[in-house]
Amino acid sequence: MPSPTPRPPRRSAISVQLMTQFGLDQGLTLEQCLAGTGLDWCLLGDPGAEVVASEELELLRNLARHLGQHPGMGLQAGRRYRLNTYGIWGFALLSSATFRSAVQLGLRYLDLTYAFHSMHLEEQGDDAWLTLEEQDLPDDLRAFLLERDVSGALSVYHDLVNAPLAVRRASFRIPEPADATPWRELLGVTPQFGASRNCIVFPRTLLDLPLPGANPQVAQHCEAQCKIILARRRARTGFAGRIRDLLLARPGQLPDMERLAQALHMTSRTLRRKLAAEDTSFRQLQEEVLETLAEELLSSTALRLEEIAERLGYGEVSNFIHAFKRWKGITPGQYRLVDQRPARDSRM
């Protein structure tokens, strides 16, 4: 089973604001919502503030502790994630030409959303499959986070086309809840629980729906802004930045943690602890480096995929393609076409 895509080190505080308001609306106090998170209430009034994932998870843990994780609570919370709460990412989707292009753009910059699952789209026959992959989710919040991410994704679709998604079938890894009614009301079908993966299946023809707000120039501008914001959030400082720089210095020959720890004259346990103190891990930094290098090689060179895979240390090109699709939601070939399109368009 492939390793999950790591979450970015920082995320917008808008999600914390939404979930805090959700708790307040359920009768909790601000102190109950923010207890143990390390977050200051002043943060809730700053639309540009950022938090780390562990802080948001602690807030959600507070909600679950005080409200109880009854079936459908995450679905209810996910309805608060409307397209206009995602900032420039939401504008980029609204300006896309079709639902397909909106999905592809949205998945490329999924790290600008508040989802705790990675997602990718597959097309099989008459069906389109949206799969949600877990990313080291804490067991005590697994069901809530799945509910919230699924509900939020369907809210985005509704805002794009002003209609509910016509779900054909759905399956989820979580155990069957005591009451599946909230799921049935959201999806229009009863999902299969205890399945091997989390996925929502809908008609493939929906991908070709034209979007009413289509504007290629605006979409291109918004995507450029998404790229800048994501690069800024992924920027590393401190010890994590030092490790990332060391990894970038050896593309294709990434040292393992033991070797890197020896080079820094410390134990691997100490290295792991220092990275954890900065809310990251060695595996996460490796994934970030590989993703960054892959983007650069696809954008700035004419190397074949086999050559790029070899330079990045992948034994098989299929492994590289699978990893890239996990990162971006599209294949390397599709990414290269999209990345080069603005340059071609500007010459017309």
Protein backbone atom coordinates (compact mmCIF):
# COMPACT_ATOMS: atom_id res chain seq x y z
CA MET A 1 0.00 0.00 0.00
CA PRO A 2 1.52 3.41 -0.94
CA SER A 3 2.55 5.75 1.82
CA PRO A 4 0.12 8.63 2.30
CA THR A 5 0.91 12.09 1.04
CA PRO A 6 2.15 14.22 3.95
CA ARG A 7 0.19 17.25 4.99
CA PRO A 8 1.83 20.66 4.46
CA PRO A 9 3.48 22.09 7.58
CA ARG A 10 1.05 25.01 7.77
CA ARG A 11 -2.58 25.60 6.78
CA SER A 12 -5.03 28.50 6.81
CA ALA A 13 -6.63 29.24 10.18
CA ILE A 14 -10.02 29.64 8.47
CA SER A 15 -10.77 26.00 9.23
CA VAL A 16 -10.06 26.57 12.92
CA GLN A 17 -12.39 29.55 12.81
CA LEU A 18 -15.15 27.48 11.18
CA MET A 19 -14.79 24.60 13.64
CA THR A 20 -14.66 26.93 16.63
CA GLN A 21 -17.89 28.56 15.49
CA PHE A 22 -19.37 25.09 15.01
CA GLY A 23 -18.52 24.31 18.63
CA LEU A 24 -19.96 27.60 19.86
CA ASP A 25 -23.18 26.94 17.95
CA GLN A 26 -23.42 23.58 19.72
CA GLY A 27 -23.28 25.34 23.11
CA LEU A 28 -19.57 25.07 23.92
CA THR A 29 -17.51 27.94 25.27
CA LEU A 30 -14.49 29.40 23.50
CA GLU A 31 -12.29 28.04 26.30
CA GLN A 32 -13.65 24.52 25.79
CA CYS A 33 -12.97 24.70 22.05
CA LEU A 34 -9.40 25.99 22.30
CA ALA A 35 -8.21 24.20 25.45
CA GLY A 36 -4.78 22.65 24.96
CA THR A 37 -4.45 23.79 21.35
CA GLY A 38 -1.99 26.59 22.03
CA LEU A 39 -4.17 28.83 19.87
CA ASP A 40 -5.04 32.36 20.92
CA TRP A 41 -8.60 33.64 20.50
CA CYS A 42 -7.19 36.70 18.66
CA LEU A 43 -6.23 34.32 15.84
CA LEU A 44 -9.90 33.79 15.06
CA GLY A 45 -10.25 37.36 13.85
CA ASP A 46 -7.27 37.23 11.47
CA PRO A 47 -8.23 35.94 7.99
CA GLY A 48 -4.57 35.59 7.00
CA ALA A 49 -3.46 33.58 10.01
CA GLU A 50 -1.99 30.10 9.68
CA VAL A 51 -1.86 27.11 12.03
CA VAL A 52 -0.26 23.67 12.04
CA ALA A 53 -2.30 20.51 11.59
CA SER A 54 -1.73 19.30 15.16
CA GLU A 55 -3.37 22.44 16.54
CA GLU A 56 -6.48 21.95 14.44
CA LEU A 57 -6.63 18.27 15.39
CA GLU A 58 -6.56 19.18 19.08
CA LEU A 59 -9.47 21.57 18.53
CA LEU A 60 -11.44 18.78 16.83
CA ARG A 61 -10.56 16.48 19.70
CA ASN A 62 -12.07 19.04 22.09
CA LEU A 63 -15.27 19.10 20.07
CA ALA A 64 -15.48 15.32 20.08
CA ARG A 65 -14.81 15.13 23.81
CA HIS A 66 -17.50 17.64 24.76
CA LEU A 67 -20.10 16.86 22.10
CA GLY A 68 -19.52 13.15 21.60
CA GLN A 69 -18.82 11.67 18.17
CA HIS A 70 -22.35 10.76 17.22
CA PRO A 71 -22.95 9.60 13.62
CA GLY A 72 -23.24 12.51 11.23
CA MET A 73 -21.52 15.13 13.38
CA GLY A 74 -18.63 15.40 10.92
CA LEU A 75 -21.08 15.60 8.01
CA GLN A 76 -22.80 18.48 9.73
CA ALA A 77 -19.49 20.23 10.36
CA GLY A 78 -18.40 19.71 6.74
CA ARG A 79 -21.36 21.69 5.41
CA ARG A 80 -19.65 24.82 6.73
CA TYR A 81 -16.89 24.46 4.15
CA ARG A 82 -18.37 26.39 1.23
CA LEU A 83 -16.39 27.36 -1.83
CA ASN A 84 -16.03 30.97 -0.68
CA THR A 85 -14.20 29.83 2.47
CA TYR A 86 -11.21 28.58 0.47
CA GLY A 87 -9.89 31.92 -0.74
CA ILE A 88 -7.92 31.99 -3.98
CA TRP A 89 -8.28 28.19 -4.37
CA GLY A 90 -12.04 28.61 -4.51
CA PHE A 91 -11.82 31.42 -7.06
CA ALA A 92 -9.57 29.25 -9.21
CA LEU A 93 -12.18 26.48 -9.29
CA LEU A 94 -15.03 28.89 -9.99
CA SER A 95 -13.14 30.28 -12.98
CA SER A 96 -12.38 26.87 -14.52
CA ALA A 97 -13.97 25.97 -17.84
CA THR A 98 -15.46 22.61 -16.86
CA PHE A 99 -15.96 20.51 -13.76
CA ARG A 100 -13.12 18.28 -14.97
CA SER A 101 -10.64 21.16 -15.15
CA ALA A 102 -11.87 22.41 -11.76
CA VAL A 103 -11.26 18.97 -10.22
CA GLN A 104 -7.81 18.68 -11.75
CA LEU A 105 -6.81 22.15 -10.57
CA GLY A 106 -8.33 21.58 -7.15
CA LEU A 107 -6.42 18.33 -6.66
CA ARG A 108 -3.13 19.90 -7.77
CA TYR A 109 -3.46 22.39 -4.94
CA LEU A 110 -5.39 20.29 -2.45
CA ASP A 111 -2.90 21.28 0.25
CA LEU A 112 -4.49 24.75 0.20
CA THR A 113 -7.73 23.25 1.49
CA TYR A 114 -8.56 22.01 4.97
CA ALA A 115 -8.86 18.33 4.06
CA PHE A 116 -7.01 15.76 6.13
CA HIS A 117 -7.29 13.16 3.34
CA SER A 118 -5.42 13.20 0.06
CA MET A 119 -7.67 12.72 -2.96
CA HIS A 120 -7.37 11.56 -6.52
CA LEU A 121 -9.73 11.06 -9.45
CA GLU A 122 -9.98 8.00 -11.70
CA GLU A 123 -12.12 7.47 -14.79
CA GLN A 124 -13.33 3.93 -15.45
CA GLY A 125 -15.87 3.33 -18.20
CA ASP A 126 -18.94 5.44 -17.49
CA ASP A 127 -17.86 6.13 -13.91
CA ALA A 128 -15.65 8.68 -12.20
CA TRP A 129 -14.13 7.63 -8.88
CA LEU A 130 -13.07 10.17 -6.26
CA THR A 131 -10.85 8.34 -3.77
CA LEU A 132 -9.88 9.71 -0.36
CA GLU A 133 -6.67 8.31 1.09
CA GLU A 134 -5.90 8.55 4.78
CA GLN A 135 -2.83 10.51 5.87
CA ASP A 136 -1.73 9.16 9.24
CA LEU A 137 -5.05 10.09 10.78
CA PRO A 138 -5.45 9.70 14.55
CA ASP A 139 -7.73 6.77 15.35
CA ASP A 140 -9.93 8.80 17.69
CA LEU A 141 -10.84 11.27 14.92
CA ARG A 142 -10.82 8.97 11.88
CA ALA A 143 -14.61 8.81 11.40
CA PHE A 144 -15.15 12.52 12.10
CA LEU A 145 -12.43 13.59 9.64
CA LEU A 146 -13.78 11.32 6.90
CA GLU A 147 -17.29 12.68 7.39
CA ARG A 148 -16.04 16.26 7.36
CA ASP A 149 -13.87 15.85 4.25
CA VAL A 150 -16.58 14.05 2.25
CA SER A 151 -19.23 16.59 3.22
CA GLY A 152 -16.89 19.48 2.43
CA ALA A 153 -16.05 18.06 -1.01
CA LEU A 154 -19.74 17.69 -1.88
CA SER A 155 -20.38 21.26 -0.72
CA VAL A 156 -17.71 22.47 -3.15
CA TYR A 157 -19.39 20.58 -6.01
CA HIS A 158 -22.78 22.04 -5.14
CA ASP A 159 -21.36 25.57 -5.13
CA LEU A 160 -19.71 25.01 -8.51
CA VAL A 161 -22.77 23.73 -10.38
CA ASN A 162 -25.64 24.72 -8.05
CA ALA A 163 -26.85 21.12 -7.79
CA PRO A 164 -26.10 18.09 -5.63
CA LEU A 165 -23.68 15.47 -6.89
CA ALA A 166 -25.45 12.47 -8.45
CA VAL A 167 -23.67 9.76 -6.48
CA ARG A 168 -24.02 6.25 -7.94
CA ARG A 169 -22.41 4.43 -5.03
CA ALA A 170 -19.94 5.03 -2.24
CA SER A 171 -17.74 2.96 0.06
CA PHE A 172 -15.80 3.85 3.18
CA ARG A 173 -13.27 2.12 5.39
CA ILE A 174 -14.85 3.12 8.68
CA PRO A 175 -17.14 0.64 10.47
CA GLU A 176 -20.85 0.94 9.80
CA PRO A 177 -22.32 3.58 12.13
CA ALA A 178 -25.28 2.88 14.38
CA ASP A 179 -27.35 5.19 12.17
CA ALA A 180 -26.44 5.59 8.48
CA THR A 181 -29.32 8.01 7.83
CA PRO A 182 -27.09 11.15 7.74
CA TRP A 183 -24.87 9.49 5.13
CA ARG A 184 -27.89 8.46 3.05
CA GLU A 185 -29.33 11.97 3.22
CA LEU A 186 -26.04 13.48 2.06
CA LEU A 187 -25.21 11.05 -0.74
CA GLY A 188 -28.63 9.88 -1.86
CA VAL A 189 -27.42 6.27 -1.52
CA THR A 190 -26.46 4.06 1.39
CA PRO A 191 -22.67 3.59 1.41
CA GLN A 192 -20.85 0.31 1.91
CA PHE A 193 -18.92 0.48 5.18
CA GLY A 194 -15.89 -1.53 6.22
CA ALA A 195 -14.67 -1.37 2.62
CA SER A 196 -11.08 -1.51 1.37
CA ARG A 197 -10.99 2.17 0.39
CA ASN A 198 -12.87 5.44 0.68
CA CYS A 199 -14.43 6.40 -2.64
CA ILE A 200 -17.41 8.15 -4.18
CA VAL A 201 -18.55 7.06 -7.65
CA PHE A 202 -20.51 9.39 -9.93
CA PRO A 203 -21.31 9.63 -13.69
CA ARG A 204 -18.24 10.41 -15.74
CA THR A 205 -20.29 12.72 -17.97
CA LEU A 206 -20.51 15.21 -15.09
CA LEU A 207 -16.81 15.97 -15.58
CA ASP A 208 -17.62 17.68 -18.89
CA LEU A 209 -20.18 20.06 -17.37
CA PRO A 210 -19.34 23.67 -18.35
CA LEU A 211 -19.09 25.98 -15.35
CA PRO A 212 -21.03 29.27 -15.38
CA GLY A 213 -18.10 31.32 -14.06
CA ALA A 214 -15.57 30.10 -16.61
CA ASN A 215 -12.83 32.66 -17.27
CA PRO A 216 -9.47 31.30 -18.53
CA GLN A 217 -7.51 34.46 -17.69
CA VAL A 218 -8.82 34.59 -14.12
CA ALA A 219 -8.26 30.85 -13.65
CA GLN A 220 -4.67 31.19 -14.86
CA HIS A 221 -4.03 34.12 -12.50
CA CYS A 222 -5.60 32.31 -9.55
CA GLU A 223 -3.55 29.17 -10.20
CA ALA A 224 -0.35 31.25 -10.22
CA GLN A 225 -1.35 32.67 -6.83
CA CYS A 226 -2.09 29.16 -5.54
CA LYS A 227 1.39 28.07 -6.54
CA ILE A 228 2.98 31.00 -4.71
CA ILE A 229 0.98 30.44 -1.52
CA LEU A 230 1.69 26.72 -1.49
CA ALA A 231 5.42 27.29 -2.00
CA ARG A 232 5.43 29.77 0.89
CA ARG A 233 3.68 27.36 3.23
CA ARG A 234 6.09 24.60 2.35
CA ALA A 235 9.12 26.78 2.98
CA ARG A 236 11.15 25.26 5.78
CA THR A 237 13.23 27.01 8.42
CA GLY A 238 15.07 25.81 11.50
CA PHE A 239 16.24 22.22 11.77
CA ALA A 240 13.63 20.94 9.30
CA GLY A 241 14.88 23.45 6.73
CA ARG A 242 18.43 22.21 7.21
CA ILE A 243 17.37 18.59 6.69
CA ARG A 244 15.35 19.52 3.60
CA ASP A 245 18.34 21.35 2.11
CA LEU A 246 20.56 18.33 2.71
CA LEU A 247 18.04 16.09 0.95
CA LEU A 248 17.74 18.49 -1.99
CA ALA A 249 21.50 18.44 -2.40
CA ARG A 250 21.42 14.74 -3.39
CA PRO A 251 18.53 14.24 -5.85
CA GLY A 252 18.21 10.63 -6.88
CA GLN A 253 20.37 9.52 -3.98
CA LEU A 254 18.35 10.61 -0.97
CA PRO A 255 20.14 9.41 2.17
CA ASP A 256 18.12 7.44 4.68
CA MET A 257 17.55 8.75 8.18
CA GLU A 258 20.34 6.70 9.76
CA ARG A 259 22.95 7.95 7.30
CA LEU A 260 21.83 11.55 7.60
CA ALA A 261 21.82 11.36 11.40
CA GLN A 262 25.39 10.05 11.34
CA ALA A 263 26.46 12.91 9.07
CA LEU A 264 24.98 15.34 11.61
CA HIS A 265 26.68 13.52 14.51
CA MET A 266 23.44 12.55 16.24
CA THR A 267 21.29 9.48 16.65
CA SER A 268 18.30 8.84 14.43
CA ARG A 269 16.15 9.07 17.55
CA THR A 270 17.42 12.59 18.22
CA LEU A 271 16.84 13.58 14.59
CA ARG A 272 13.30 12.24 14.74
CA ARG A 273 12.61 14.08 18.00
CA LYS A 274 13.96 17.41 16.68
CA LEU A 275 11.78 17.16 13.57
CA ALA A 276 8.73 16.22 15.61
CA ALA A 277 9.29 19.37 17.68
CA GLU A 278 8.84 21.33 14.43
CA ASP A 279 5.67 19.37 13.56
CA THR A 280 7.18 17.33 10.75
CA SER A 281 8.95 14.03 10.09
CA PHE A 282 11.81 12.67 8.01
CA ARG A 283 9.38 10.86 5.69
CA GLN A 284 7.40 14.06 5.16
CA LEU A 285 10.54 15.98 4.20
CA GLN A 286 11.55 13.21 1.78
CA GLU A 287 8.13 13.39 0.11
CA GLU A 288 8.32 17.19 -0.15
CA VAL A 289 11.74 17.02 -1.78
CA LEU A 290 10.67 14.39 -4.30
CA GLU A 291 7.54 16.35 -5.18
CA THR A 292 9.50 19.60 -5.60
CA LEU A 293 12.12 17.96 -7.81
CA ALA A 294 9.47 16.21 -9.90
CA GLU A 295 7.67 19.50 -10.55
CA GLU A 296 10.89 21.21 -11.58
CA LEU A 297 11.98 18.42 -13.92
CA LEU A 298 8.56 18.22 -15.57
CA SER A 299 8.30 22.00 -15.98
CA SER A 300 11.84 22.94 -17.04
CA THR A 301 13.15 19.93 -18.96
CA ALA A 302 12.13 17.72 -21.88
CA LEU A 303 13.24 14.56 -20.10
CA ARG A 304 11.13 11.47 -20.66
CA LEU A 305 9.19 10.17 -17.67
CA GLU A 306 11.52 7.17 -17.48
CA GLU A 307 14.52 9.51 -17.16
CA ILE A 308 12.81 11.64 -14.50
CA ALA A 309 11.84 8.54 -12.53
CA GLU A 310 15.44 7.32 -12.66
CA ARG A 311 16.84 10.69 -11.51
CA LEU A 312 14.47 10.70 -8.56
CA GLY A 313 15.50 7.22 -7.52
CA TYR A 314 12.42 5.27 -8.61
CA GLY A 315 13.16 1.78 -9.86
CA GLU A 316 10.07 1.71 -12.08
CA VAL A 317 8.40 4.57 -13.93
CA SER A 318 5.02 3.20 -12.80
CA ASN A 319 6.03 3.84 -9.16
CA PHE A 320 6.89 7.44 -10.02
CA ILE A 321 3.59 7.95 -11.87
CA HIS A 322 1.63 6.51 -8.93
CA ALA A 323 3.48 8.73 -6.43
CA PHE A 324 2.98 11.85 -8.55
CA LYS A 325 -0.71 11.17 -8.96
CA ARG A 326 -0.92 10.78 -5.19
CA TRP A 327 0.73 14.18 -4.76
CA LYS A 328 -1.11 16.12 -7.45
CA GLY A 329 -4.23 14.16 -8.34
CA ILE A 330 -3.12 13.92 -12.00
CA THR A 331 -0.42 12.04 -13.90
CA PRO A 332 3.00 13.59 -14.69
CA GLY A 333 2.01 13.79 -18.35
CA GLN A 334 -1.16 15.71 -17.54
CA TYR A 335 0.76 18.01 -15.21
CA ARG A 336 3.30 18.79 -17.93
CA LEU A 337 0.54 19.69 -20.40
CA VAL A 338 -1.24 21.96 -17.90
CA ASP A 339 2.00 23.60 -16.77
CA GLN A 340 3.03 24.44 -20.34
CA ARG A 341 -0.41 25.65 -21.47
CA PRO A 342 -0.09 29.26 -20.22
CA ALA A 343 3.15 29.67 -22.15
CA ARG A 344 1.50 28.45 -25.36
CA ASP A 345 -1.60 30.56 -24.74
CA SER A 346 0.48 33.72 -24.26
CA ARG A 347 1.98 33.30 -27.74
CA MET A 348 -1.39 33.15 -29.47
